[in-house]
Amino acid sequence: MKNPYYVYIAANKNNTVIYTGMTNNIVRRMFEPKNKISLGFTSKYNINKLLYYEIFNLPQEAIQAEKKIKGWLRKKKIELVQTKNPD
């Protein structure tokens, strides 16, 4: 797969705040808030634990999936994470 795009759900240490996002570099995206490189929501709320991700070939597909997940209630997002990542 060339140049994949990722939709992900991440959380803070205690899973009290969750964040849904999209990126073309999941490693970099999780590195930034852990090391306080980029300022914003993820660094403000210490979002640094990856809970779930899905890979897409096209950015449009990833954006569409991100918007869909962002529209869900928290409970449905947690259910998605638990089905794919029960630990």
Protein backbone atom coordinates (compact mmCIF):
# COMPACT_ATOMS: atom_id res chain seq x y z
CA MET A 1 0.00 0.00 0.00
CA LYS A 2 1.42 3.34 -1.03
CA ASN A 3 0.94 6.39 1.19
CA PRO A 4 -1.73 5.07 3.54
CA TYR A 5 -4.07 7.32 5.48
CA TYR A 6 -5.21 6.52 8.99
CA VAL A 7 -8.31 7.28 11.00
CA TYR A 8 -7.61 6.81 14.67
CA ILE A 9 -9.07 7.09 18.13
CA ALA A 10 -6.71 8.10 20.91
CA ALA A 11 -7.19 8.89 24.58
CA ASN A 12 -5.49 10.29 27.63
CA LYS A 13 -4.00 8.06 30.33
CA ASN A 14 -7.30 7.42 32.14
CA ASN A 15 -9.47 7.29 29.00
CA THR A 16 -11.51 10.23 30.25
CA VAL A 17 -10.92 12.22 27.04
CA ILE A 18 -10.99 10.58 23.62
CA TYR A 19 -10.03 12.08 20.28
CA THR A 20 -10.78 10.99 16.74
CA GLY A 21 -8.47 12.14 13.98
CA MET A 22 -6.98 11.42 10.57
CA THR A 23 -3.34 11.44 9.50
CA ASN A 24 -0.96 10.12 6.87
CA ASN A 25 1.69 9.26 9.50
CA ILE A 26 0.33 7.54 12.60
CA VAL A 27 3.73 7.18 14.27
CA ARG A 28 4.47 10.90 13.98
CA ARG A 29 0.94 11.80 15.03
CA MET A 30 1.23 9.87 18.29
CA PHE A 31 4.81 11.07 18.89
CA GLU A 32 3.86 14.78 18.77
CA PRO A 33 1.50 14.98 21.78
CA LYS A 34 3.65 12.61 23.86
CA ASN A 35 6.56 14.97 23.40
CA LYS A 36 4.53 18.22 23.48
CA ILE A 37 5.74 19.14 19.98
CA SER A 38 2.47 20.47 18.63
CA LEU A 39 0.15 22.62 20.69
CA GLY A 40 -3.56 21.99 20.48
CA PHE A 41 -6.30 19.73 21.79
CA THR A 42 -4.16 16.59 21.97
CA SER A 43 -1.36 18.21 23.95
CA LYS A 44 -3.76 20.22 26.13
CA TYR A 45 -5.61 17.08 27.22
CA ASN A 46 -2.58 14.74 27.10
CA ILE A 47 -4.01 12.56 24.33
CA ASN A 48 -1.16 10.14 23.83
CA LYS A 49 -2.56 6.61 23.91
CA LEU A 50 -3.61 5.05 20.60
CA LEU A 51 -6.73 2.92 21.06
CA TYR A 52 -7.82 2.18 17.49
CA TYR A 53 -6.81 2.85 13.90
CA GLU A 54 -8.00 1.95 10.45
CA ILE A 55 -6.03 2.24 7.20
CA PHE A 56 -7.29 3.75 3.94
CA ASN A 57 -5.77 4.11 0.46
CA LEU A 58 -7.32 7.46 -0.37
CA PRO A 59 -7.48 10.59 1.77
CA GLN A 60 -11.13 11.11 0.83
CA GLU A 61 -12.01 7.70 2.28
CA ALA A 62 -10.19 8.50 5.49
CA ILE A 63 -11.85 11.91 5.80
CA GLN A 64 -15.27 10.35 5.26
CA ALA A 65 -14.61 7.68 7.92
CA GLU A 66 -13.29 10.29 10.36
CA LYS A 67 -16.41 12.43 9.94
CA LYS A 68 -18.63 9.39 10.43
CA ILE A 69 -16.89 8.36 13.66
CA LYS A 70 -16.79 11.95 14.97
CA GLY A 71 -20.57 12.03 14.57
CA TRP A 72 -21.03 9.06 16.87
CA LEU A 73 -21.75 9.22 20.57
CA ARG A 74 -18.88 8.40 22.91
CA LYS A 75 -20.49 5.05 23.77
CA LYS A 76 -20.41 3.90 20.14
CA LYS A 77 -16.76 4.97 19.76
CA ILE A 78 -15.84 2.97 22.85
CA GLU A 79 -17.73 -0.05 21.50
CA LEU A 80 -15.72 0.20 18.26
CA VAL A 81 -12.47 0.29 20.20
CA GLN A 82 -13.50 -2.65 22.38
CA THR A 83 -14.41 -4.82 19.38
CA LYS A 84 -11.06 -4.20 17.68
CA ASN A 85 -8.83 -3.71 20.73
CA PRO A 86 -10.35 -5.38 23.83
CA ASP A 87 -7.20 -4.85 25.91
